[in-house]
Protein backbone atom coordinates (compact mmCIF):
# COMPACT_ATOMS: atom_id res chain seq x y z
CA UNK A 1 -0.03 -0.05 0.03
CA UNK A 2 1.28 3.53 -0.73
CA UNK A 3 2.76 5.47 2.24
CA UNK A 4 2.50 9.16 1.06
CA UNK A 5 1.57 12.33 2.70
CA UNK A 6 -1.76 12.65 0.93
CA UNK A 7 -3.15 9.90 -1.25
CA UNK A 8 -4.27 10.51 -4.86
CA UNK A 9 -7.83 9.25 -4.83
CA UNK A 10 -9.62 10.43 -7.98
CA UNK A 11 -8.75 11.88 -11.32
CA UNK A 12 -9.58 15.56 -12.10
CA UNK A 13 -12.61 14.46 -14.15
CA UNK A 14 -13.87 12.20 -11.30
CA UNK A 15 -13.38 15.00 -8.69
CA UNK A 16 -15.39 17.34 -10.89
CA UNK A 17 -18.12 14.62 -11.16
CA UNK A 18 -18.41 14.45 -7.40
CA UNK A 19 -17.69 17.96 -6.26
CA UNK A 20 -18.36 20.39 -9.17
CA UNK A 21 -21.64 22.26 -9.45
CA UNK A 22 -23.88 20.59 -12.09
CA UNK A 23 -24.35 22.16 -15.46
CA UNK A 24 -27.95 21.29 -16.45
CA UNK A 25 -29.36 20.86 -19.91
CA UNK A 26 -32.94 21.82 -20.63
CA UNK A 27 -34.37 18.44 -19.63
CA UNK A 28 -32.44 18.37 -16.39
CA UNK A 29 -33.54 21.99 -15.51
CA UNK A 30 -37.12 20.80 -15.89
CA UNK A 31 -36.44 17.73 -13.68
CA UNK A 32 -34.53 19.38 -10.86
CA UNK A 33 -36.13 22.78 -10.75
CA UNK A 34 -39.73 21.48 -10.69
CA UNK A 35 -41.07 21.62 -7.16
CA UNK A 36 -43.57 19.31 -5.43
CA UNK A 37 -46.06 20.37 -2.80
CA UNK A 38 -43.72 20.05 0.19
CA UNK A 39 -40.96 21.91 -1.59
CA UNK A 40 -43.40 24.68 -2.55
CA UNK A 41 -44.49 25.00 1.10
CA UNK A 42 -40.89 25.63 2.14
CA UNK A 43 -40.34 27.97 -0.73
CA UNK A 44 -43.28 30.09 0.48
CA UNK A 45 -41.39 30.85 3.64
CA UNK A 46 -39.27 33.22 1.60
CA UNK A 47 -40.95 36.24 0.18
CA UNK A 48 -37.96 37.97 -1.49
CA UNK A 49 -37.38 37.04 -5.12
CA UNK A 50 -33.61 36.66 -4.51
CA UNK A 51 -34.02 34.22 -1.64
CA UNK A 52 -36.73 32.26 -3.49
CA UNK A 53 -34.61 31.86 -6.65
CA UNK A 54 -31.57 30.99 -4.60
CA UNK A 55 -33.49 28.31 -2.68
CA UNK A 56 -34.72 26.69 -5.90
CA UNK A 57 -31.20 26.72 -7.29
CA UNK A 58 -29.61 25.23 -4.16
CA UNK A 59 -32.43 22.62 -3.88
CA UNK A 60 -31.97 21.50 -7.56
CA UNK A 61 -28.27 21.29 -7.20
CA UNK A 62 -28.48 19.33 -3.98
CA UNK A 63 -30.94 16.85 -5.51
CA UNK A 64 -28.45 16.33 -8.33
CA UNK A 65 -25.22 16.03 -6.32
CA UNK A 66 -26.12 15.78 -2.59
CA UNK A 67 -23.95 18.81 -1.95
CA UNK A 68 -24.27 22.52 -1.27
CA UNK A 69 -22.55 25.02 -3.49
CA UNK A 70 -21.31 28.58 -3.09
CA UNK A 71 -22.10 30.68 -6.22
CA UNK A 72 -23.23 34.07 -7.43
CA UNK A 73 -26.36 34.56 -9.56
CA UNK A 74 -24.14 35.65 -12.43
CA UNK A 75 -22.38 32.24 -12.31
CA UNK A 76 -25.64 30.38 -13.11
CA UNK A 77 -27.41 32.92 -15.36
CA UNK A 78 -29.23 30.34 -17.61
CA UNK A 79 -30.56 28.46 -14.60
CA UNK A 80 -31.77 31.79 -13.04
CA UNK A 81 -33.52 32.73 -16.28
CA UNK A 82 -35.24 29.32 -16.42
CA UNK A 83 -36.45 29.59 -12.77
CA UNK A 84 -37.73 33.14 -13.24
CA UNK A 85 -39.61 32.10 -16.35
CA UNK A 86 -41.31 29.20 -14.47
CA UNK A 87 -41.75 30.37 -10.95
CA UNK A 88 -41.95 34.29 -11.20
CA UNK A 89 -44.40 36.70 -12.79
CA UNK A 90 -41.50 39.00 -13.65
CA UNK A 91 -39.03 37.02 -15.84
CA UNK A 92 -37.15 40.08 -16.67
CA UNK A 93 -35.82 40.55 -13.15
CA UNK A 94 -31.98 40.88 -13.08
CA UNK A 95 -30.33 39.26 -10.00
CA UNK A 96 -26.66 39.55 -9.03
CA UNK A 97 -24.37 38.66 -6.12
CA UNK A 98 -25.54 36.23 -3.36
CA UNK A 99 -28.03 36.16 -0.59
CA UNK A 100 -26.94 36.77 3.01
CA UNK A 101 -25.05 34.11 4.96
CA UNK A 102 -27.97 33.83 7.47
CA UNK A 103 -30.43 33.19 4.70
CA UNK A 104 -28.08 30.75 2.98
CA UNK A 105 -27.56 28.81 6.25
CA UNK A 106 -31.25 28.65 6.87
CA UNK A 107 -31.98 27.33 3.37
CA UNK A 108 -29.35 24.61 3.97
CA UNK A 109 -31.16 23.48 7.10
CA UNK A 110 -34.55 23.55 5.36
CA UNK A 111 -33.17 21.42 2.46
CA UNK A 112 -31.47 18.92 4.86
CA UNK A 113 -34.65 18.51 6.89
CA UNK A 114 -36.72 18.29 3.68
CA UNK A 115 -34.70 15.50 2.11
CA UNK A 116 -33.62 13.73 5.32
CA UNK A 117 -29.85 14.40 5.02
CA UNK A 118 -27.15 15.23 7.61
CA UNK A 119 -24.37 17.77 7.03
CA UNK A 120 -20.79 16.55 7.42
CA UNK A 121 -19.40 17.20 10.97
CA UNK A 122 -15.86 16.60 12.31
CA UNK A 123 -17.21 14.09 14.81
CA UNK A 124 -17.88 11.69 11.88
CA UNK A 125 -14.17 11.49 11.00
CA UNK A 126 -13.16 8.61 13.29
CA UNK A 127 -16.24 6.53 12.35
CA UNK A 128 -15.57 7.12 8.70
CA UNK A 129 -11.90 6.12 9.04
CA UNK A 130 -12.96 2.86 10.63
CA UNK A 131 -15.39 2.36 7.78
CA UNK A 132 -12.55 3.00 5.19
CA UNK A 133 -10.36 0.39 7.08
CA UNK A 134 -13.17 -2.12 6.71
CA UNK A 135 -13.64 -1.21 3.06
CA UNK A 136 -9.90 -1.68 2.33
CA UNK A 137 -10.20 -5.32 3.42
CA UNK A 138 -12.80 -5.75 0.67
CA UNK A 139 -11.62 -3.23 -1.90
CA UNK A 140 -7.86 -2.61 -1.54
CA UNK A 141 -7.84 -0.80 -4.84
CA UNK A 142 -8.21 2.92 -4.02
CA UNK A 143 -10.63 3.92 -6.65
CA UNK A 144 -13.00 1.14 -5.78
CA UNK A 145 -12.88 1.90 -2.02
CA UNK A 146 -13.58 5.61 -2.74
CA UNK A 147 -16.63 4.72 -4.81
CA UNK A 148 -17.87 2.38 -2.12
CA UNK A 149 -17.46 5.10 0.56
CA UNK A 150 -19.34 7.56 -1.54
CA UNK A 151 -22.22 5.04 -1.96
CA UNK A 152 -22.13 4.56 1.81
CA UNK A 153 -22.55 8.28 2.35
CA UNK A 154 -25.50 8.33 -0.04
CA UNK A 155 -27.14 5.42 1.64
CA UNK A 156 -26.63 7.03 4.99
CA UNK A 157 -28.07 10.28 3.72
CA UNK A 158 -24.80 12.00 4.82
CA UNK A 159 -23.13 14.76 2.83
CA UNK A 160 -19.65 13.71 1.83
CA UNK A 161 -16.72 15.78 3.30
CA UNK A 162 -14.44 17.94 1.13
CA UNK A 163 -11.99 16.16 -1.22
CA UNK A 164 -9.04 17.13 1.00
CA UNK A 165 -10.68 15.77 4.07
CA UNK A 166 -11.44 12.55 2.19
CA UNK A 167 -7.75 12.34 1.25
CA UNK A 168 -6.71 12.82 4.85
CA UNK A 169 -9.00 10.11 6.12
CA UNK A 170 -7.92 7.58 3.52
CA UNK A 171 -4.29 8.34 4.27
CA UNK A 172 -4.93 7.61 8.00
CA UNK A 173 -6.95 4.48 7.13
CA UNK A 174 -4.26 3.17 4.73
CA UNK A 175 -1.58 3.60 7.36
CA UNK A 176 -3.72 1.85 9.97
CA UNK A 177 -4.54 -1.06 7.63
CA UNK A 178 -0.95 -1.41 6.66
CA UNK A 179 0.14 -1.69 10.27
CA UNK A 180 -2.57 -4.26 10.91
CA UNK A 181 -1.43 -6.44 7.98
CA UNK A 182 2.24 -6.00 8.90
CA UNK A 183 1.60 -7.31 12.31
CA UNK A 184 -0.09 -10.40 11.01
CA UNK A 185 2.54 -11.00 8.27
CA UNK A 186 5.22 -10.87 10.93
CA UNK A 187 3.68 -14.09 12.39
CA UNK A 188 4.70 -16.13 9.29
CA UNK A 189 7.34 -18.68 10.37
CA UNK A 190 10.90 -17.83 9.31
CA UNK A 191 11.17 -20.84 6.94
CA UNK A 192 8.00 -19.90 5.17
CA UNK A 193 9.14 -16.23 4.90
CA UNK A 194 12.32 -17.41 3.19
CA UNK A 195 10.31 -19.62 0.73
CA UNK A 196 8.09 -16.63 -0.14
CA UNK A 197 10.99 -14.18 -0.43
CA UNK A 198 12.89 -16.64 -2.65
CA UNK A 199 9.99 -16.51 -5.17
CA UNK A 200 10.74 -12.80 -5.80
CA UNK A 201 14.48 -12.94 -5.52
CA UNK A 202 16.58 -12.97 -8.69
CA UNK A 203 18.11 -16.25 -9.62
CA UNK A 204 20.45 -16.25 -12.67
CA UNK A 205 18.47 -13.48 -14.34
CA UNK A 206 14.95 -14.96 -13.78
CA UNK A 207 12.87 -15.24 -10.60
CA UNK A 208 10.85 -18.27 -9.49
CA UNK A 209 7.80 -16.05 -9.64
CA UNK A 210 8.27 -15.57 -13.38
CA UNK A 211 8.34 -19.35 -13.88
CA UNK A 212 5.28 -20.02 -11.77
CA UNK A 213 3.14 -17.29 -13.34
CA UNK A 214 3.88 -18.41 -16.91
CA UNK A 215 0.55 -19.52 -18.51
CA UNK A 216 0.01 -23.11 -19.85
CA UNK A 217 0.39 -22.84 -23.64
CA UNK A 218 -1.51 -25.88 -24.81
CA UNK A 219 -2.53 -29.43 -23.86
CA UNK A 220 0.68 -31.14 -25.09
CA UNK A 221 2.77 -33.26 -22.78
CA UNK A 222 5.46 -30.69 -22.08
CA UNK A 223 2.93 -28.00 -21.17
CA UNK A 224 1.00 -30.34 -18.87
CA UNK A 225 4.18 -31.64 -17.27
CA UNK A 226 5.37 -28.05 -16.59
CA UNK A 227 2.00 -27.29 -14.93
CA UNK A 228 2.29 -30.38 -12.73
CA UNK A 229 5.87 -29.42 -11.77
CA UNK A 230 4.65 -25.90 -10.77
CA UNK A 231 1.89 -27.36 -8.72
CA UNK A 232 4.30 -29.74 -6.94
CA UNK A 233 6.81 -26.92 -6.36
CA UNK A 234 4.29 -24.60 -4.55
CA UNK A 235 1.94 -27.14 -3.07
CA UNK A 236 3.64 -26.93 0.40
CA UNK A 237 3.32 -23.13 0.33
CA UNK A 238 -0.26 -23.37 -0.82
CA UNK A 239 -1.22 -25.54 2.11
CA UNK A 240 0.38 -23.02 4.47
CA UNK A 241 -1.35 -20.12 2.69
CA UNK A 242 -4.72 -21.81 2.89
CA UNK A 243 -4.47 -21.92 6.70
CA UNK A 244 -2.74 -18.49 7.09
CA UNK A 245 -4.71 -16.22 4.75
CA UNK A 246 -7.99 -16.39 6.83
CA UNK A 247 -6.00 -14.68 9.62
CA UNK A 248 -5.61 -11.62 7.31
CA UNK A 249 -9.39 -11.14 7.35
CA UNK A 250 -9.32 -10.14 3.69
CA UNK A 251 -12.10 -10.68 1.13
CA UNK A 252 -11.68 -12.93 -1.89
CA UNK A 253 -11.60 -9.69 -3.98
CA UNK A 254 -8.76 -8.35 -1.87
CA UNK A 255 -6.74 -11.55 -2.06
CA UNK A 256 -7.28 -11.52 -5.84
CA UNK A 257 -6.12 -7.94 -6.02
CA UNK A 258 -2.91 -8.59 -4.14
CA UNK A 259 -2.36 -11.73 -6.23
CA UNK A 260 -2.89 -9.76 -9.46
CA UNK A 261 -0.29 -7.27 -8.39
CA UNK A 262 2.24 -10.08 -8.06
CA UNK A 263 1.04 -11.55 -11.29
CA UNK A 264 1.38 -8.37 -13.33
CA UNK A 265 4.22 -6.33 -11.79
CA UNK A 266 7.79 -6.96 -12.81
CA UNK A 267 9.64 -8.70 -9.98
CA UNK A 268 12.07 -5.68 -9.89
CA UNK A 269 9.11 -3.50 -8.93
CA UNK A 270 7.87 -6.00 -6.33
CA UNK A 271 11.33 -6.03 -4.72
CA UNK A 272 11.04 -2.22 -4.18
CA UNK A 273 8.11 -2.81 -1.84
CA UNK A 274 8.66 -3.33 1.89
CA UNK A 275 9.50 -6.86 2.99
CA UNK A 276 6.11 -7.18 4.64
CA UNK A 277 4.34 -6.06 1.50
CA UNK A 278 6.39 -8.49 -0.59
CA UNK A 279 5.35 -11.32 1.62
CA UNK A 280 1.69 -10.26 1.48
CA UNK A 281 1.58 -10.17 -2.25
CA UNK A 282 3.54 -13.42 -2.58
CA UNK A 283 1.32 -15.42 -0.21
CA UNK A 284 -1.86 -14.16 -1.98
CA UNK A 285 -0.31 -14.94 -5.32
CA UNK A 286 0.56 -18.52 -4.21
CA UNK A 287 -2.92 -19.05 -2.87
CA UNK A 288 -4.59 -17.82 -6.07
CA UNK A 289 -2.04 -19.18 -8.60
CA UNK A 290 -2.19 -22.71 -7.18
CA UNK A 291 -5.99 -22.75 -7.73
CA UNK A 292 -5.48 -21.47 -11.27
CA UNK A 293 -2.90 -24.28 -11.96
CA UNK A 294 -5.46 -26.88 -10.62
CA UNK A 295 -8.08 -25.46 -12.95
CA UNK A 296 -5.63 -25.70 -15.89
CA UNK A 297 -4.81 -29.33 -15.02
CA UNK A 298 -8.45 -30.33 -14.64
CA UNK A 299 -9.25 -28.72 -17.99
CA UNK A 300 -6.33 -30.61 -19.59
CA UNK A 301 -7.53 -33.79 -17.92
CA UNK A 302 -11.06 -33.30 -19.39
CA UNK A 303 -9.61 -32.39 -22.80
CA UNK A 304 -7.61 -35.61 -23.05
CA UNK A 305 -10.39 -37.81 -21.59
CA UNK A 306 -12.72 -36.46 -24.31
CA UNK A 307 -10.01 -36.90 -26.95
CA UNK A 308 -9.40 -40.53 -25.95
CA UNK A 309 -13.14 -41.39 -25.72
CA UNK A 310 -13.75 -39.69 -29.08
CA UNK A 311 -10.94 -41.63 -30.69
CA UNK A 312 -12.29 -44.77 -29.04
CA UNK A 313 -15.70 -44.25 -30.56
CA UNK A 314 -14.12 -43.73 -34.02
CA UNK A 315 -12.06 -46.85 -33.60
CA UNK A 316 -15.12 -48.91 -32.59
CA UNK A 317 -17.04 -47.68 -35.59
CA UNK A 318 -14.14 -48.50 -37.86
CA UNK A 319 -13.78 -51.95 -36.37
CA UNK A 320 -17.48 -52.56 -36.80
CA UNK A 321 -17.26 -51.59 -40.47
CA UNK A 322 -14.24 -53.89 -40.84
CA UNK A 323 -15.97 -56.72 -39.06
CA UNK A 324 -19.02 -56.49 -41.33
CA UNK A 325 -16.95 -56.21 -44.46
CA UNK A 326 -14.72 -59.16 -43.52
CA UNK A 327 -17.63 -61.35 -42.54
CA UNK A 328 -19.43 -60.78 -45.91
CA UNK A 329 -16.16 -61.09 -47.78
CA UNK A 330 -15.64 -64.58 -46.34
CA UNK A 331 -19.03 -65.94 -47.53
CA UNK A 332 -17.67 -67.16 -50.96
CA UNK A 333 -14.75 -68.92 -49.20
CA UNK A 334 -17.24 -70.47 -46.70
CA UNK A 335 -19.31 -71.65 -49.60
CA UNK A 336 -16.25 -73.18 -51.22
CA UNK A 337 -15.28 -74.84 -47.99
CA UNK A 338 -18.76 -76.33 -47.51
CA UNK A 339 -18.72 -77.72 -51.06
CA UNK A 340 -15.19 -79.11 -50.59
CA UNK A 341 -15.56 -80.72 -47.11
CA UNK A 342 -17.99 -83.53 -48.03
CA UNK A 343 -15.92 -84.47 -51.04
CA UNK A 344 -12.53 -84.22 -49.40
CA UNK A 345 -9.93 -86.89 -49.75
CA UNK A 346 -10.64 -89.25 -46.86
CA UNK A 347 -7.02 -90.46 -46.89
CA UNK A 348 -5.64 -87.11 -45.70
CA UNK A 349 -3.90 -86.99 -42.35
CA UNK A 350 -5.15 -84.53 -39.66
CA UNK A 351 -2.33 -82.11 -40.36
CA UNK A 352 -3.01 -82.39 -44.19
CA UNK A 353 -6.71 -81.87 -43.60
CA UNK A 354 -5.97 -78.70 -41.61
CA UNK A 355 -3.60 -77.41 -44.19
CA UNK A 356 -6.11 -77.86 -47.05
CA UNK A 357 -9.00 -76.44 -45.09
CA UNK A 358 -7.08 -73.31 -44.05
CA UNK A 359 -6.08 -72.75 -47.62
CA UNK A 360 -9.76 -72.29 -48.41
CA UNK A 361 -10.82 -70.52 -45.33
CA UNK A 362 -8.10 -68.95 -42.97
CA UNK A 363 -8.12 -70.35 -39.52
CA UNK A 364 -8.84 -67.03 -37.73
CA UNK A 365 -12.09 -66.63 -39.70
CA UNK A 366 -13.74 -69.84 -38.41
CA UNK A 367 -14.66 -68.27 -34.94
CA UNK A 368 -15.72 -65.05 -36.65
CA UNK A 369 -18.18 -66.78 -38.90
CA UNK A 370 -19.31 -69.14 -36.14
CA UNK A 371 -20.31 -66.11 -33.92
CA UNK A 372 -22.08 -64.48 -36.83
CA UNK A 373 -24.15 -67.53 -37.67
CA UNK A 374 -24.68 -68.14 -33.96
CA UNK A 375 -26.42 -64.81 -33.70
CA UNK A 376 -23.65 -62.96 -31.86
CA UNK A 377 -23.39 -59.23 -32.71
CA UNK A 378 -20.28 -57.07 -32.80
CA UNK A 379 -19.44 -55.75 -29.33
CA UNK A 380 -18.94 -51.97 -29.78
CA UNK A 381 -18.05 -51.48 -26.10
CA UNK A 382 -15.44 -54.20 -26.20
CA UNK A 383 -13.91 -52.45 -29.26
CA UNK A 384 -13.80 -49.16 -27.30
CA UNK A 385 -12.09 -50.83 -24.35
CA UNK A 386 -9.69 -52.52 -26.72
CA UNK A 387 -8.75 -49.01 -28.00
CA UNK A 388 -8.34 -47.72 -24.49
CA UNK A 389 -5.86 -50.54 -23.85
CA UNK A 390 -3.88 -49.35 -26.91
CA UNK A 391 -4.01 -45.77 -25.46
CA UNK A 392 -2.29 -46.74 -22.32
CA UNK A 393 0.63 -44.54 -23.20
CA UNK A 394 -1.73 -41.53 -23.41
CA UNK A 395 -3.05 -42.38 -19.94
CA UNK A 396 0.46 -42.49 -18.62
CA UNK A 397 1.54 -39.22 -20.15
CA UNK A 398 -1.50 -36.96 -19.85
CA UNK A 399 -3.91 -38.43 -17.20
CA UNK A 400 -1.76 -40.14 -14.60
CA UNK A 401 0.38 -36.97 -13.71
CA UNK A 402 -2.79 -34.93 -13.32
CA UNK A 403 -4.44 -37.64 -11.18
CA UNK A 404 -1.47 -37.58 -8.79
CA UNK A 405 -1.10 -33.73 -8.71
CA UNK A 406 -4.70 -32.65 -8.25
CA UNK A 407 -6.24 -33.09 -4.74
CA UNK A 408 -9.58 -34.28 -5.94
CA UNK A 409 -12.62 -33.86 -3.59
CA UNK A 410 -16.18 -35.01 -4.01
CA UNK A 411 -19.20 -33.01 -2.89
CA UNK A 412 -20.51 -36.01 -0.94
CA UNK A 413 -18.53 -37.34 1.99
CA UNK A 414 -17.40 -40.95 2.09
CA UNK A 415 -18.33 -41.46 -1.50
CA UNK A 416 -17.12 -44.59 -3.40
CA UNK A 417 -15.80 -42.39 -6.26
CA UNK A 418 -13.21 -40.90 -3.83
CA UNK A 419 -12.34 -44.43 -2.60
CA UNK A 420 -11.48 -45.41 -6.21
CA UNK A 421 -9.45 -42.19 -6.83
CA UNK A 422 -7.57 -42.60 -3.58
CA UNK A 423 -6.80 -46.23 -4.45
CA UNK A 424 -5.44 -45.23 -7.83
CA UNK A 425 -3.38 -42.35 -6.32
CA UNK A 426 -1.95 -44.67 -3.66
CA UNK A 427 -0.98 -47.21 -6.33
CA UNK A 428 0.63 -44.83 -8.88
CA UNK A 429 2.30 -42.50 -6.24
CA UNK A 430 4.57 -45.52 -5.45
CA UNK A 431 5.72 -45.67 -9.05
CA UNK A 432 3.76 -48.81 -9.84
CA UNK A 433 2.47 -49.65 -13.31
CA UNK A 434 -1.10 -50.57 -14.38
CA UNK A 435 -0.06 -54.24 -14.66
CA UNK A 436 0.38 -54.56 -10.90
CA UNK A 437 -2.93 -52.83 -10.05
CA UNK A 438 -5.84 -54.88 -8.71
CA UNK A 439 -9.25 -53.57 -7.76
CA UNK A 440 -10.09 -54.15 -4.09
CA UNK A 441 -13.25 -56.16 -3.62
CA UNK A 442 -15.13 -53.37 -1.87
CA UNK A 443 -14.53 -51.02 -4.80
CA UNK A 444 -15.16 -53.77 -7.38
CA UNK A 445 -18.64 -54.13 -5.92
CA UNK A 446 -19.56 -50.54 -6.81
CA UNK A 447 -18.66 -50.87 -10.50
CA UNK A 448 -21.66 -51.62 -12.72
CA UNK A 449 -21.84 -55.34 -13.60
CA UNK A 450 -22.18 -54.65 -17.33
CA UNK A 451 -18.73 -52.94 -17.16
CA UNK A 452 -16.87 -55.48 -15.17
CA UNK A 453 -16.58 -57.84 -18.17
CA UNK A 454 -14.37 -55.21 -19.87
CA UNK A 455 -12.23 -54.68 -16.78
CA UNK A 456 -11.69 -58.32 -15.84
CA UNK A 457 -8.30 -59.81 -16.59
CA UNK A 458 -7.89 -63.02 -18.57
CA UNK A 459 -6.61 -66.05 -16.64
CA UNK A 460 -3.16 -65.56 -18.22
CA UNK A 461 -3.11 -61.99 -16.99
CA UNK A 462 -2.57 -63.29 -13.43
CA UNK A 463 1.06 -63.96 -14.39
CA UNK A 464 1.54 -60.26 -15.11
CA UNK A 465 0.89 -59.34 -11.53
CA UNK A 466 3.69 -61.70 -10.52
CA UNK A 467 6.11 -60.20 -13.07
CA UNK A 468 5.88 -56.71 -11.62
CA UNK A 469 7.49 -53.80 -13.45
CA UNK A 470 9.24 -54.68 -16.72
CA UNK A 471 11.74 -52.47 -18.58
CA UNK A 472 12.79 -54.89 -21.30
CA UNK A 473 10.35 -57.58 -22.57
CA UNK A 474 11.45 -60.47 -24.78
CA UNK A 475 8.27 -61.87 -26.32
CA UNK A 476 7.53 -64.60 -28.94
CA UNK A 477 5.47 -63.26 -31.81
CA UNK A 478 5.29 -66.06 -34.38
CA UNK A 479 2.47 -68.23 -33.06
CA UNK A 480 2.42 -71.95 -33.55
CA UNK A 481 3.59 -73.21 -30.11
CA UNK A 482 3.73 -69.78 -28.42
CA UNK A 483 2.05 -66.31 -28.67
CA UNK A 484 0.71 -64.98 -31.93
CA UNK A 485 1.38 -61.40 -32.95
CA UNK A 486 -2.03 -60.25 -31.56
CA UNK A 487 -1.48 -62.12 -28.28
CA UNK A 488 1.99 -60.66 -27.94
CA UNK A 489 0.66 -57.09 -28.51
CA UNK A 490 -2.04 -57.78 -25.88
CA UNK A 491 0.67 -58.76 -23.44
CA UNK A 492 2.81 -55.72 -24.31
CA UNK A 493 -0.15 -53.38 -23.64
CA UNK A 494 -0.63 -54.90 -20.18
CA UNK A 495 3.06 -54.94 -19.18
CA UNK A 496 3.98 -51.56 -20.68
CA UNK A 497 7.75 -52.23 -21.13
CA UNK A 498 10.18 -49.57 -22.29
CA UNK A 499 11.83 -51.78 -24.80
CA UNK A 500 10.28 -54.80 -26.62
CA UNK A 501 12.50 -57.48 -28.27
CA UNK A 502 10.49 -59.85 -30.53
CA UNK A 503 11.60 -63.44 -30.88
CA UNK A 504 10.44 -66.88 -32.13
CA UNK A 505 9.11 -65.84 -35.56
CA UNK A 506 9.29 -67.25 -39.03
CA UNK A 507 12.71 -66.91 -40.85
CA UNK A 508 14.12 -68.58 -43.95
CA UNK A 509 16.95 -70.31 -41.97
CA UNK A 510 14.44 -71.76 -39.45
CA UNK A 511 13.11 -75.31 -39.95
CA UNK A 512 9.92 -74.81 -37.92
CA UNK A 513 6.94 -74.46 -40.25
CA UNK A 514 3.89 -72.36 -39.65
CA UNK A 515 5.58 -69.51 -37.76
CA UNK A 516 4.32 -65.98 -38.76
CA UNK A 517 7.05 -63.67 -40.18
CA UNK A 518 8.41 -60.74 -38.11
CA UNK A 519 6.90 -58.24 -40.60
CA UNK A 520 3.40 -59.24 -39.42
CA UNK A 521 4.11 -58.28 -35.85
CA UNK A 522 5.90 -55.07 -36.74
CA UNK A 523 3.02 -53.91 -38.93
CA UNK A 524 0.41 -54.63 -36.25
CA UNK A 525 2.34 -52.91 -33.48
CA UNK A 526 3.15 -49.93 -35.69
CA UNK A 527 6.89 -50.29 -35.61
CA UNK A 528 9.13 -49.54 -38.65
CA UNK A 529 11.18 -52.28 -40.19
CA UNK A 530 14.90 -51.71 -39.49
CA UNK A 531 18.18 -53.54 -39.76
CA UNK A 532 18.59 -56.11 -36.87
CA UNK A 533 21.21 -55.10 -34.34
CA UNK A 534 24.18 -57.19 -33.25
CA UNK A 535 23.72 -56.01 -29.70
CA UNK A 536 21.54 -53.61 -27.65
CA UNK A 537 23.04 -50.68 -25.87
CA UNK A 538 20.80 -49.52 -22.98
CA UNK A 539 20.75 -45.92 -21.78
CA UNK A 540 19.19 -44.38 -18.71
CA UNK A 541 16.94 -42.12 -20.79
CA UNK A 542 15.30 -45.24 -22.38
CA UNK A 543 13.43 -45.82 -19.14
CA UNK A 544 12.25 -42.30 -18.39
CA UNK A 545 8.49 -41.74 -17.93
CA UNK A 546 8.06 -39.77 -21.14
CA UNK A 547 10.29 -41.94 -23.30
CA UNK A 548 8.46 -43.75 -26.16
CA UNK A 549 8.39 -47.58 -26.19
CA UNK A 550 11.05 -49.03 -28.56
CA UNK A 551 10.77 -52.22 -30.57
CA UNK A 552 14.36 -53.63 -31.10
CA UNK A 553 15.09 -56.53 -33.53
CA UNK A 554 18.23 -58.45 -32.69
CA UNK A 555 20.10 -60.79 -35.10
């Protein structure tokens, strides 16, 4: 807060708006110089034309500005002419000078009594200063506090003091409020004072305050990660501020004002404030900025949830179209198979029979057609959840950090939603992966039954829990006696390794027949074909949270 001899409260135009005598247009003259019965009764107490005109002038000006003015008739000639034309038989009368002080004082008393107002008296100063101190806790911005005080005078039917008196009272009130806040700020523990002061202190050309107040640019990983880092950096200070700020007895508007000053002022300007003022602005900034960061993270969370669910819907629709197209496309092959089977060579061995049959109709199409003719429809929800499994990396990059950083609350106490959130946070805060997560029975019971089928693990998934965190996964992909490419990809999505090394696939130099080639796996997992490596060199950055999963082919 400024500590100057007399505070600048209003601009010249605003001072004139409050304290200058009104300059009426024709409509305003008719409005303010028209008298009702009560006003006419008081007017009739004055018989002299000068006192009567002066009373009408002073009454009209008071109704417009709630103030009395000192003027000569010559100063308000057009108003005098209007009043004479409306309230006097002799409109040609020429008036000059003023009326006597005694008459002027009597007219002020009559007007105050008539309109129920009180004149300003010195005894109101202390009461008004206390009112200003209270206003400053709600409106620390001077202009707003002045306007609120003027409204208070109007509501109390009290004539506002002179501008200089107003300045003096605001100066005293500002000094009193500053001392009050300084005394409370001095109670901040030394360690917290240092943390707050370090925000404003220069550090290699840039202050921590500049870093924290930088806005989130977009919803990409780096921007979200920076926002999470900022939240974690100031979370301890925020928890302190949340408990301490109520002691300041400031309104939300005042806290926002002090926070905005810290937000907008250059740190060099903040450093010129007193130490107490620096701490006041810093703690309000932390309190407000942390909530802004939480809002940003929640908006980012919602954005990515909507993006993933929208992509899941598109994926399911695409898979449905593929399913329908593939099913219909296999009808001619099915017809060929049905014609062939009754007339097959009865001397064929089991392996030869399979080989001939699968030449006509591929093995993987048998269950598809069986489901179709059995009346089973395409499970769109299952397709969506299949996509969500492929989006596990997006969950890890964009959703999990927000889940851990935001202190979620629910409007109902002891709600099951919070139990689930707390369970997830407890799991991931220990650095564990989704593969090691199991739903507790009490939480499992609150999940709709029609959703459980998409969350249940397969029997083979139980082995994943025993494996734990996996950095490098060597996985067979060729089928036959081990995993097919699709089964391998399903396992990879569950385990979420940093590096995948495919093995046991079809090669020209391998005698095992029926193994699928490596290209089939690489295409399905979306990895580019590259020259096999003689050896794998592992680096620390390969296992960082934001590092993309790599598929490495070894010779």
